[in-house]
Amino acid sequence: MTYIIAEPCVDVMDRACIEECPVDCIYEGGRMLYIHPDECVDCGACEPVCPVEAIFYEDDTPDEWCDYIGANADFFDKLGSPGGASKVGKTGYDSPFIAAFPVSTK
């Protein structure tokens, strides 16, 4: 199990969670942030600093956002496991689920 980022982050990407993450496992896509499931140590440091309350422990993800569990994992199908988000920077890529999501006017 790991933490995931859900819909409230789409087109927001506040990045407070990135600053708080002690293991550098939160990666920046084009439209949202993603937590690497193999790099996350389940510390939970990211969850309370998220201003839009988009971060959930996988088992606690609200039913309406369960598709984001797969979207987080799918993001890393292409990226792999580079061993730290700071090495990669902003990818400009999103999982297909997020790429198909209507553009927000938030």
PDB file of N, CA and C in Angstrom:
ATOM      1  N   MET A   1       0.832  -1.187   0.000  1.00  0.00           N
ATOM      2  CA  MET A   1       0.000   0.000   0.000  1.00  0.00           C
ATOM      3  C   MET A   1       0.876   1.251   0.000  1.00  0.00           C
ATOM      4  N   THR A   2       0.289   2.323  -0.480  1.00  0.00           N
ATOM      5  CA  THR A   2       1.009   3.593  -0.556  1.00  0.00           C
ATOM      6  C   THR A   2      -0.001   4.736  -0.501  1.00  0.00           C
ATOM      7  N   TYR A   3       0.498   5.920  -0.556  1.00  0.00           N
ATOM      8  CA  TYR A   3      -0.359   7.095  -0.672  1.00  0.00           C
ATOM      9  C   TYR A   3      -0.579   7.392  -2.138  1.00  0.00           C
ATOM     10  N   ILE A   4      -1.718   7.988  -2.454  1.00  0.00           N
ATOM     11  CA  ILE A   4      -2.028   8.371  -3.837  1.00  0.00           C
ATOM     12  C   ILE A   4      -2.536   9.807  -3.833  1.00  0.00           C
ATOM     13  N   ILE A   5      -2.508  10.405  -5.013  1.00  0.00           N
ATOM     14  CA  ILE A   5      -3.025  11.764  -5.190  1.00  0.00           C
ATOM     15  C   ILE A   5      -4.239  11.674  -6.095  1.00  0.00           C
ATOM     16  N   ALA A   6      -5.313  12.357  -5.710  1.00  0.00           N
ATOM     17  CA  ALA A   6      -6.588  12.242  -6.418  1.00  0.00           C
ATOM     18  C   ALA A   6      -7.004  13.554  -7.095  1.00  0.00           C
ATOM     19  N   GLU A   7      -8.228  13.578  -7.567  1.00  0.00           N
ATOM     20  CA  GLU A   7      -8.774  14.644  -8.403  1.00  0.00           C
ATOM     21  C   GLU A   7      -8.531  16.081  -7.939  1.00  0.00           C
ATOM     22  N   PRO A   8      -8.603  16.395  -6.646  1.00  0.00           N
ATOM     23  CA  PRO A   8      -8.408  17.805  -6.279  1.00  0.00           C
ATOM     24  C   PRO A   8      -7.069  18.401  -6.731  1.00  0.00           C
ATOM     25  N   CYS A   9      -6.096  17.558  -7.053  1.00  0.00           N
ATOM     26  CA  CYS A   9      -4.784  18.049  -7.496  1.00  0.00           C
ATOM     27  C   CYS A   9      -4.744  18.370  -8.989  1.00  0.00           C
ATOM     28  N   VAL A  10      -5.660  17.808  -9.753  1.00  0.00           N
ATOM     29  CA  VAL A  10      -5.633  18.010 -11.201  1.00  0.00           C
ATOM     30  C   VAL A  10      -5.719  19.503 -11.510  1.00  0.00           C
ATOM     31  N   ASP A  11      -4.757  19.983 -12.279  1.00  0.00           N
ATOM     32  CA  ASP A  11      -4.647  21.378 -12.696  1.00  0.00           C
ATOM     33  C   ASP A  11      -4.412  22.355 -11.536  1.00  0.00           C
ATOM     34  N   VAL A  12      -4.010  21.852 -10.366  1.00  0.00           N
ATOM     35  CA  VAL A  12      -3.689  22.710  -9.225  1.00  0.00           C
ATOM     36  C   VAL A  12      -2.200  22.609  -8.907  1.00  0.00           C
ATOM     37  N   MET A  13      -1.736  21.428  -8.563  1.00  0.00           N
ATOM     38  CA  MET A  13      -0.331  21.122  -8.282  1.00  0.00           C
ATOM     39  C   MET A  13       0.337  22.157  -7.369  1.00  0.00           C
ATOM     40  N   ASP A  14      -0.126  22.257  -6.152  1.00  0.00           N
ATOM     41  CA  ASP A  14       0.405  23.214  -5.181  1.00  0.00           C
ATOM     42  C   ASP A  14       1.874  22.970  -4.828  1.00  0.00           C
ATOM     43  N   ARG A  15       2.299  21.747  -4.775  1.00  0.00           N
ATOM     44  CA  ARG A  15       3.688  21.324  -4.516  1.00  0.00           C
ATOM     45  C   ARG A  15       4.124  21.376  -3.053  1.00  0.00           C
ATOM     46  N   ALA A  16       3.252  21.728  -2.127  1.00  0.00           N
ATOM     47  CA  ALA A  16       3.624  21.700  -0.702  1.00  0.00           C
ATOM     48  C   ALA A  16       4.021  20.291  -0.295  1.00  0.00           C
ATOM     49  N   CYS A  17       3.386  19.298  -0.878  1.00  0.00           N
ATOM     50  CA  CYS A  17       3.702  17.906  -0.558  1.00  0.00           C
ATOM     51  C   CYS A  17       5.116  17.536  -0.996  1.00  0.00           C
ATOM     52  N   ILE A  18       5.556  18.081  -2.109  1.00  0.00           N
ATOM     53  CA  ILE A  18       6.908  17.806  -2.612  1.00  0.00           C
ATOM     54  C   ILE A  18       7.936  18.309  -1.602  1.00  0.00           C
ATOM     55  N   GLU A  19       7.710  19.490  -1.080  1.00  0.00           N
ATOM     56  CA  GLU A  19       8.639  20.077  -0.118  1.00  0.00           C
ATOM     57  C   GLU A  19       8.692  19.283   1.185  1.00  0.00           C
ATOM     58  N   GLU A  20       7.594  18.636   1.535  1.00  0.00           N
ATOM     59  CA  GLU A  20       7.509  17.900   2.797  1.00  0.00           C
ATOM     60  C   GLU A  20       8.001  16.457   2.692  1.00  0.00           C
ATOM     61  N   CYS A  21       8.004  15.901   1.505  1.00  0.00           N
ATOM     62  CA  CYS A  21       8.350  14.486   1.311  1.00  0.00           C
ATOM     63  C   CYS A  21       9.834  14.225   1.620  1.00  0.00           C
ATOM     64  N   PRO A  22      10.112  13.354   2.603  1.00  0.00           N
ATOM     65  CA  PRO A  22      11.504  13.098   2.973  1.00  0.00           C
ATOM     66  C   PRO A  22      12.257  12.168   2.016  1.00  0.00           C
ATOM     67  N   VAL A  23      11.533  11.492   1.125  1.00  0.00           N
ATOM     68  CA  VAL A  23      12.200  10.538   0.227  1.00  0.00           C
ATOM     69  C   VAL A  23      12.119  10.922  -1.249  1.00  0.00           C
ATOM     70  N   ASP A  24      11.604  12.111  -1.557  1.00  0.00           N
ATOM     71  CA  ASP A  24      11.594  12.611  -2.938  1.00  0.00           C
ATOM     72  C   ASP A  24      10.843  11.686  -3.889  1.00  0.00           C
ATOM     73  N   CYS A  25       9.646  11.230  -3.466  1.00  0.00           N
ATOM     74  CA  CYS A  25       8.897  10.268  -4.286  1.00  0.00           C
ATOM     75  C   CYS A  25       7.665  10.859  -4.957  1.00  0.00           C
ATOM     76  N   ILE A  26       7.498  12.188  -4.914  1.00  0.00           N
ATOM     77  CA  ILE A  26       6.338  12.821  -5.539  1.00  0.00           C
ATOM     78  C   ILE A  26       6.792  13.490  -6.824  1.00  0.00           C
ATOM     79  N   TYR A  27       6.286  12.974  -7.930  1.00  0.00           N
ATOM     80  CA  TYR A  27       6.709  13.387  -9.263  1.00  0.00           C
ATOM     81  C   TYR A  27       5.679  14.324  -9.878  1.00  0.00           C
ATOM     82  N   GLU A  28       6.159  15.221 -10.720  1.00  0.00           N
ATOM     83  CA  GLU A  28       5.303  16.226 -11.338  1.00  0.00           C
ATOM     84  C   GLU A  28       5.004  15.862 -12.784  1.00  0.00           C
ATOM     85  N   GLY A  29       3.724  15.620 -13.042  1.00  0.00           N
ATOM     86  CA  GLY A  29       3.284  15.392 -14.409  1.00  0.00           C
ATOM     87  C   GLY A  29       2.897  16.716 -15.046  1.00  0.00           C
ATOM     88  N   GLY A  30       2.212  16.648 -16.144  1.00  0.00           N
ATOM     89  CA  GLY A  30       1.783  17.867 -16.816  1.00  0.00           C
ATOM     90  C   GLY A  30       0.636  18.573 -16.111  1.00  0.00           C
ATOM     91  N   ARG A  31      -0.275  17.780 -15.515  1.00  0.00           N
ATOM     92  CA  ARG A  31      -1.481  18.353 -14.922  1.00  0.00           C
ATOM     93  C   ARG A  31      -1.691  18.022 -13.453  1.00  0.00           C
ATOM     94  N   MET A  32      -0.913  17.072 -12.929  1.00  0.00           N
ATOM     95  CA  MET A  32      -1.038  16.741 -11.515  1.00  0.00           C
ATOM     96  C   MET A  32       0.235  16.090 -11.012  1.00  0.00           C
ATOM     97  N   LEU A  33       0.290  15.859  -9.713  1.00  0.00           N
ATOM     98  CA  LEU A  33       1.428  15.215  -9.072  1.00  0.00           C
ATOM     99  C   LEU A  33       1.103  13.747  -8.833  1.00  0.00           C
ATOM    100  N   TYR A  34       2.144  12.928  -8.752  1.00  0.00           N
ATOM    101  CA  TYR A  34       1.985  11.483  -8.593  1.00  0.00           C
ATOM    102  C   TYR A  34       2.975  10.972  -7.555  1.00  0.00           C
ATOM    103  N   ILE A  35       2.532  10.038  -6.715  1.00  0.00           N
ATOM    104  CA  ILE A  35       3.399   9.437  -5.704  1.00  0.00           C
ATOM    105  C   ILE A  35       3.855   8.079  -6.213  1.00  0.00           C
ATOM    106  N   HIS A  36       5.176   7.879  -6.257  1.00  0.00           N
ATOM    107  CA  HIS A  36       5.720   6.617  -6.746  1.00  0.00           C
ATOM    108  C   HIS A  36       5.432   5.519  -5.722  1.00  0.00           C
ATOM    109  N   PRO A  37       4.702   4.465  -6.114  1.00  0.00           N
ATOM    110  CA  PRO A  37       4.299   3.435  -5.151  1.00  0.00           C
ATOM    111  C   PRO A  37       5.464   2.628  -4.578  1.00  0.00           C
ATOM    112  N   ASP A  38       6.563   2.510  -5.302  1.00  0.00           N
ATOM    113  CA  ASP A  38       7.703   1.741  -4.802  1.00  0.00           C
ATOM    114  C   ASP A  38       8.684   2.600  -4.000  1.00  0.00           C
ATOM    115  N   GLU A  39       8.653   3.888  -4.194  1.00  0.00           N
ATOM    116  CA  GLU A  39       9.578   4.785  -3.498  1.00  0.00           C
ATOM    117  C   GLU A  39       8.975   5.375  -2.223  1.00  0.00           C
ATOM    118  N   CYS A  40       7.654   5.431  -2.149  1.00  0.00           N
ATOM    119  CA  CYS A  40       6.964   5.981  -0.980  1.00  0.00           C
ATOM    120  C   CYS A  40       7.212   5.066   0.228  1.00  0.00           C
ATOM    121  N   VAL A  41       7.543   5.677   1.358  1.00  0.00           N
ATOM    122  CA  VAL A  41       7.784   4.911   2.589  1.00  0.00           C
ATOM    123  C   VAL A  41       6.586   4.989   3.542  1.00  0.00           C
ATOM    124  N   ASP A  42       5.465   5.462   3.058  1.00  0.00           N
ATOM    125  CA  ASP A  42       4.222   5.534   3.822  1.00  0.00           C
ATOM    126  C   ASP A  42       4.336   6.345   5.112  1.00  0.00           C
ATOM    127  N   CYS A  43       5.141   7.395   5.085  1.00  0.00           N
ATOM    128  CA  CYS A  43       5.315   8.208   6.294  1.00  0.00           C
ATOM    129  C   CYS A  43       4.121   9.128   6.542  1.00  0.00           C
ATOM    130  N   GLY A  44       3.397   9.492   5.482  1.00  0.00           N
ATOM    131  CA  GLY A  44       2.232  10.352   5.624  1.00  0.00           C
ATOM    132  C   GLY A  44       2.529  11.825   5.760  1.00  0.00           C
ATOM    133  N   ALA A  45       3.772  12.237   5.617  1.00  0.00           N
ATOM    134  CA  ALA A  45       4.131  13.645   5.785  1.00  0.00           C
ATOM    135  C   ALA A  45       3.447  14.542   4.756  1.00  0.00           C
ATOM    136  N   CYS A  46       3.164  14.019   3.588  1.00  0.00           N
ATOM    137  CA  CYS A  46       2.567  14.801   2.510  1.00  0.00           C
ATOM    138  C   CYS A  46       1.089  15.118   2.741  1.00  0.00           C
ATOM    139  N   GLU A  47       0.395  14.208   3.364  1.00  0.00           N
ATOM    140  CA  GLU A  47      -1.059  14.320   3.488  1.00  0.00           C
ATOM    141  C   GLU A  47      -1.536  15.582   4.204  1.00  0.00           C
ATOM    142  N   PRO A  48      -1.033  15.919   5.388  1.00  0.00           N
ATOM    143  CA  PRO A  48      -1.571  17.098   6.080  1.00  0.00           C
ATOM    144  C   PRO A  48      -1.196  18.438   5.461  1.00  0.00           C
ATOM    145  N   VAL A  49      -0.178  18.486   4.612  1.00  0.00           N
ATOM    146  CA  VAL A  49       0.214  19.773   4.026  1.00  0.00           C
ATOM    147  C   VAL A  49      -0.491  20.068   2.704  1.00  0.00           C
ATOM    148  N   CYS A  50      -1.224  19.118   2.180  1.00  0.00           N
ATOM    149  CA  CYS A  50      -1.925  19.318   0.906  1.00  0.00           C
ATOM    150  C   CYS A  50      -3.094  20.285   1.112  1.00  0.00           C
ATOM    151  N   PRO A  51      -3.043  21.472   0.497  1.00  0.00           N
ATOM    152  CA  PRO A  51      -4.089  22.469   0.730  1.00  0.00           C
ATOM    153  C   PRO A  51      -5.434  22.116   0.098  1.00  0.00           C
ATOM    154  N   VAL A  52      -5.441  21.181  -0.859  1.00  0.00           N
ATOM    155  CA  VAL A  52      -6.704  20.806  -1.509  1.00  0.00           C
ATOM    156  C   VAL A  52      -7.176  19.420  -1.076  1.00  0.00           C
ATOM    157  N   GLU A  53      -6.498  18.835  -0.076  1.00  0.00           N
ATOM    158  CA  GLU A  53      -6.860  17.529   0.478  1.00  0.00           C
ATOM    159  C   GLU A  53      -7.007  16.463  -0.611  1.00  0.00           C
ATOM    160  N   ALA A  54      -5.964  16.351  -1.435  1.00  0.00           N
ATOM    161  CA  ALA A  54      -5.974  15.407  -2.547  1.00  0.00           C
ATOM    162  C   ALA A  54      -5.204  14.123  -2.256  1.00  0.00           C
ATOM    163  N   ILE A  55      -4.527  14.035  -1.122  1.00  0.00           N
ATOM    164  CA  ILE A  55      -3.669  12.891  -0.834  1.00  0.00           C
ATOM    165  C   ILE A  55      -4.346  11.955   0.162  1.00  0.00           C
ATOM    166  N   PHE A  56      -4.349  10.665  -0.208  1.00  0.00           N
ATOM    167  CA  PHE A  56      -5.011   9.652   0.615  1.00  0.00           C
ATOM    168  C   PHE A  56      -4.144   8.409   0.702  1.00  0.00           C
ATOM    169  N   TYR A  57      -4.220   7.743   1.860  1.00  0.00           N
ATOM    170  CA  TYR A  57      -3.644   6.411   1.937  1.00  0.00           C
ATOM    171  C   TYR A  57      -4.505   5.556   1.009  1.00  0.00           C
ATOM    172  N   GLU A  58      -3.888   4.701   0.229  1.00  0.00           N
ATOM    173  CA  GLU A  58      -4.594   3.959  -0.815  1.00  0.00           C
ATOM    174  C   GLU A  58      -5.901   3.327  -0.320  1.00  0.00           C
ATOM    175  N   ASP A  59      -5.884   2.667   0.818  1.00  0.00           N
ATOM    176  CA  ASP A  59      -7.091   2.007   1.342  1.00  0.00           C
ATOM    177  C   ASP A  59      -8.158   2.998   1.807  1.00  0.00           C
ATOM    178  N   ASP A  60      -7.774   4.251   2.019  1.00  0.00           N
ATOM    179  CA  ASP A  60      -8.715   5.264   2.498  1.00  0.00           C
ATOM    180  C   ASP A  60      -9.200   6.198   1.396  1.00  0.00           C
ATOM    181  N   THR A  61      -8.865   5.898   0.157  1.00  0.00           N
ATOM    182  CA  THR A  61      -9.282   6.742  -0.964  1.00  0.00           C
ATOM    183  C   THR A  61     -10.805   6.705  -1.090  1.00  0.00           C
ATOM    184  N   PRO A  62     -11.456   7.871  -1.136  1.00  0.00           N
ATOM    185  CA  PRO A  62     -12.915   7.885  -1.317  1.00  0.00           C
ATOM    186  C   PRO A  62     -13.322   7.144  -2.586  1.00  0.00           C
ATOM    187  N   ASP A  63     -14.451   6.475  -2.532  1.00  0.00           N
ATOM    188  CA  ASP A  63     -14.921   5.662  -3.661  1.00  0.00           C
ATOM    189  C   ASP A  63     -14.941   6.425  -4.976  1.00  0.00           C
ATOM    190  N   GLU A  64     -15.349   7.693  -4.941  1.00  0.00           N
ATOM    191  CA  GLU A  64     -15.448   8.461  -6.182  1.00  0.00           C
ATOM    192  C   GLU A  64     -14.085   8.745  -6.816  1.00  0.00           C
ATOM    193  N   TRP A  65     -13.002   8.517  -6.088  1.00  0.00           N
ATOM    194  CA  TRP A  65     -11.664   8.776  -6.611  1.00  0.00           C
ATOM    195  C   TRP A  65     -10.801   7.521  -6.707  1.00  0.00           C
ATOM    196  N   CYS A  66     -11.400   6.357  -6.632  1.00  0.00           N
ATOM    197  CA  CYS A  66     -10.633   5.102  -6.709  1.00  0.00           C
ATOM    198  C   CYS A  66      -9.901   4.935  -8.039  1.00  0.00           C
ATOM    199  N   ASP A  67     -10.385   5.543  -9.112  1.00  0.00           N
ATOM    200  CA  ASP A  67      -9.683   5.464 -10.405  1.00  0.00           C
ATOM    201  C   ASP A  67      -8.308   6.118 -10.340  1.00  0.00           C
ATOM    202  N   TYR A  68      -8.101   6.989  -9.377  1.00  0.00           N
ATOM    203  CA  TYR A  68      -6.807   7.657  -9.244  1.00  0.00           C
ATOM    204  C   TYR A  68      -5.723   6.729  -8.695  1.00  0.00           C
ATOM    205  N   ILE A  69      -6.125   5.643  -8.069  1.00  0.00           N
ATOM    206  CA  ILE A  69      -5.143   4.642  -7.630  1.00  0.00           C
ATOM    207  C   ILE A  69      -4.439   4.084  -8.860  1.00  0.00           C
ATOM    208  N   GLY A  70      -5.215   3.695  -9.868  1.00  0.00           N
ATOM    209  CA  GLY A  70      -4.645   3.196 -11.122  1.00  0.00           C
ATOM    210  C   GLY A  70      -3.908   4.269 -11.896  1.00  0.00           C
ATOM    211  N   ALA A  71      -4.430   5.494 -11.868  1.00  0.00           N
ATOM    212  CA  ALA A  71      -3.784   6.592 -12.596  1.00  0.00           C
ATOM    213  C   ALA A  71      -2.403   6.875 -12.030  1.00  0.00           C
ATOM    214  N   ASN A  72      -2.262   6.819 -10.698  1.00  0.00           N
ATOM    215  CA  ASN A  72      -0.955   7.024 -10.081  1.00  0.00           C
ATOM    216  C   ASN A  72       0.011   5.934 -10.510  1.00  0.00           C
ATOM    217  N   ALA A  73      -0.433   4.689 -10.502  1.00  0.00           N
ATOM    218  CA  ALA A  73       0.436   3.574 -10.908  1.00  0.00           C
ATOM    219  C   ALA A  73       0.770   3.659 -12.397  1.00  0.00           C
ATOM    220  N   ASP A  74      -0.219   3.992 -13.226  1.00  0.00           N
ATOM    221  CA  ASP A  74      -0.013   4.075 -14.683  1.00  0.00           C
ATOM    222  C   ASP A  74       1.026   5.127 -15.065  1.00  0.00           C
ATOM    223  N   PHE A  75       1.095   6.210 -14.316  1.00  0.00           N
ATOM    224  CA  PHE A  75       2.066   7.260 -14.591  1.00  0.00           C
ATOM    225  C   PHE A  75       3.483   6.689 -14.618  1.00  0.00           C
ATOM    226  N   PHE A  76       3.735   5.737 -13.737  1.00  0.00           N
ATOM    227  CA  PHE A  76       5.077   5.173 -13.617  1.00  0.00           C
ATOM    228  C   PHE A  76       5.341   4.028 -14.586  1.00  0.00           C
ATOM    229  N   ASP A  77       4.326   3.586 -15.334  1.00  0.00           N
ATOM    230  CA  ASP A  77       4.558   2.585 -16.388  1.00  0.00           C
ATOM    231  C   ASP A  77       5.539   3.136 -17.415  1.00  0.00           C
ATOM    232  N   LYS A  78       5.372   4.389 -17.767  1.00  0.00           N
ATOM    233  CA  LYS A  78       6.244   5.031 -18.756  1.00  0.00           C
ATOM    234  C   LYS A  78       7.538   5.534 -18.112  1.00  0.00           C
ATOM    235  N   LEU A  79       7.438   6.084 -16.918  1.00  0.00           N
ATOM    236  CA  LEU A  79       8.583   6.712 -16.256  1.00  0.00           C
ATOM    237  C   LEU A  79       9.520   5.709 -15.591  1.00  0.00           C
ATOM    238  N   GLY A  80       8.962   4.612 -15.122  1.00  0.00           N
ATOM    239  CA  GLY A  80       9.773   3.633 -14.412  1.00  0.00           C
ATOM    240  C   GLY A  80      10.051   4.086 -12.990  1.00  0.00           C
ATOM    241  N   SER A  81      11.208   3.709 -12.482  1.00  0.00           N
ATOM    242  CA  SER A  81      11.593   4.054 -11.120  1.00  0.00           C
ATOM    243  C   SER A  81      12.946   4.750 -11.142  1.00  0.00           C
ATOM    244  N   PRO A  82      12.947   6.055 -11.402  1.00  0.00           N
ATOM    245  CA  PRO A  82      14.209   6.780 -11.542  1.00  0.00           C
ATOM    246  C   PRO A  82      14.951   7.021 -10.228  1.00  0.00           C
ATOM    247  N   GLY A  83      14.317   6.740  -9.087  1.00  0.00           N
ATOM    248  CA  GLY A  83      15.011   6.890  -7.818  1.00  0.00           C
ATOM    249  C   GLY A  83      15.020   8.295  -7.254  1.00  0.00           C
ATOM    250  N   GLY A  84      14.007   9.063  -7.550  1.00  0.00           N
ATOM    251  CA  GLY A  84      13.880  10.406  -6.990  1.00  0.00           C
ATOM    252  C   GLY A  84      13.335  11.396  -7.986  1.00  0.00           C
ATOM    253  N   ALA A  85      12.315  12.121  -7.552  1.00  0.00           N
ATOM    254  CA  ALA A  85      11.645  13.077  -8.427  1.00  0.00           C
ATOM    255  C   ALA A  85      12.534  14.248  -8.809  1.00  0.00           C
ATOM    256  N   SER A  86      13.417  14.668  -7.917  1.00  0.00           N
ATOM    257  CA  SER A  86      14.261  15.821  -8.222  1.00  0.00           C
ATOM    258  C   SER A  86      15.220  15.544  -9.377  1.00  0.00           C
ATOM    259  N   LYS A  87      15.536  14.285  -9.604  1.00  0.00           N
ATOM    260  CA  LYS A  87      16.390  13.903 -10.740  1.00  0.00           C
ATOM    261  C   LYS A  87      15.662  14.085 -12.070  1.00  0.00           C
ATOM    262  N   VAL A  88      14.337  13.998 -12.023  1.00  0.00           N
ATOM    263  CA  VAL A  88      13.515  13.997 -13.239  1.00  0.00           C
ATOM    264  C   VAL A  88      12.974  15.386 -13.570  1.00  0.00           C
ATOM    265  N   GLY A  89      12.513  16.117 -12.553  1.00  0.00           N
ATOM    266  CA  GLY A  89      11.869  17.404 -12.798  1.00  0.00           C
ATOM    267  C   GLY A  89      10.471  17.208 -13.358  1.00  0.00           C
ATOM    268  N   LYS A  90       9.890  18.257 -13.863  1.00  0.00           N
ATOM    269  CA  LYS A  90       8.547  18.174 -14.441  1.00  0.00           C
ATOM    270  C   LYS A  90       8.600  17.347 -15.718  1.00  0.00           C
ATOM    271  N   THR A  91       7.716  16.354 -15.800  1.00  0.00           N
ATOM    272  CA  THR A  91       7.744  15.454 -16.954  1.00  0.00           C
ATOM    273  C   THR A  91       6.914  15.967 -18.125  1.00  0.00           C
ATOM    274  N   GLY A  92       5.855  16.713 -17.853  1.00  0.00           N
ATOM    275  CA  GLY A  92       4.954  17.132 -18.924  1.00  0.00           C
ATOM    276  C   GLY A  92       4.045  16.005 -19.383  1.00  0.00           C
ATOM    277  N   TYR A  93       4.200  14.837 -18.773  1.00  0.00           N
ATOM    278  CA  TYR A  93       3.418  13.649 -19.113  1.00  0.00           C
ATOM    279  C   TYR A  93       2.404  13.387 -18.006  1.00  0.00           C
ATOM    280  N   ASP A  94       1.263  12.825 -18.351  1.00  0.00           N
ATOM    281  CA  ASP A  94       0.274  12.383 -17.375  1.00  0.00           C
ATOM    282  C   ASP A  94      -0.193  10.986 -17.734  1.00  0.00           C
ATOM    283  N   SER A  95      -0.749  10.297 -16.763  1.00  0.00           N
ATOM    284  CA  SER A  95      -1.332   8.996 -17.056  1.00  0.00           C
ATOM    285  C   SER A  95      -2.464   9.213 -18.065  1.00  0.00           C
ATOM    286  N   PRO A  96      -2.794   8.227 -18.868  1.00  0.00           N
ATOM    287  CA  PRO A  96      -3.876   8.395 -19.846  1.00  0.00           C
ATOM    288  C   PRO A  96      -5.197   8.842 -19.208  1.00  0.00           C
ATOM    289  N   PHE A  97      -5.491   8.359 -18.018  1.00  0.00           N
ATOM    290  CA  PHE A  97      -6.722   8.753 -17.323  1.00  0.00           C
ATOM    291  C   PHE A  97      -6.750  10.253 -17.069  1.00  0.00           C
ATOM    292  N   ILE A  98      -5.636  10.819 -16.633  1.00  0.00           N
ATOM    293  CA  ILE A  98      -5.575  12.258 -16.345  1.00  0.00           C
ATOM    294  C   ILE A  98      -5.514  13.051 -17.650  1.00  0.00           C
ATOM    295  N   ALA A  99      -4.774  12.568 -18.619  1.00  0.00           N
ATOM    296  CA  ALA A  99      -4.684  13.267 -19.911  1.00  0.00           C
ATOM    297  C   ALA A  99      -6.046  13.425 -20.557  1.00  0.00           C
ATOM    298  N   ALA A 100      -6.935  12.455 -20.336  1.00  0.00           N
ATOM    299  CA  ALA A 100      -8.285  12.508 -20.910  1.00  0.00           C
ATOM    300  C   ALA A 100      -9.262  13.320 -20.071  1.00  0.00           C
ATOM    301  N   PHE A 101      -8.850  13.696 -18.880  1.00  0.00           N
ATOM    302  CA  PHE A 101      -9.708  14.450 -17.960  1.00  0.00           C
ATOM    303  C   PHE A 101      -9.947  15.848 -18.531  1.00  0.00           C
ATOM    304  N   PRO A 102     -11.195  16.341 -18.473  1.00  0.00           N
ATOM    305  CA  PRO A 102     -11.458  17.696 -18.995  1.00  0.00           C
ATOM    306  C   PRO A 102     -10.588  18.740 -18.303  1.00  0.00           C
ATOM    307  N   VAL A 103     -10.134  19.710 -19.055  1.00  0.00           N
ATOM    308  CA  VAL A 103      -9.285  20.778 -18.502  1.00  0.00           C
ATOM    309  C   VAL A 103     -10.119  21.592 -17.518  1.00  0.00           C
ATOM    310  N   SER A 104      -9.563  21.798 -16.345  1.00  0.00           N
ATOM    311  CA  SER A 104     -10.252  22.504 -15.274  1.00  0.00           C
ATOM    312  C   SER A 104     -10.147  24.019 -15.473  1.00  0.00           C
ATOM    313  N   THR A 105     -11.134  24.706 -14.947  1.00  0.00           N
ATOM    314  CA  THR A 105     -11.104  26.167 -14.954  1.00  0.00           C
ATOM    315  C   THR A 105     -10.946  26.687 -13.536  1.00  0.00           C
ATOM    316  N   LYS A 106     -10.312  25.879 -12.674  1.00  0.00           N
ATOM    317  CA  LYS A 106     -10.098  26.252 -11.262  1.00  0.00           C
ATOM    318  C   LYS A 106      -9.325  27.525 -11.145  1.00  0.00           C
TER     319      LYS A 106
END
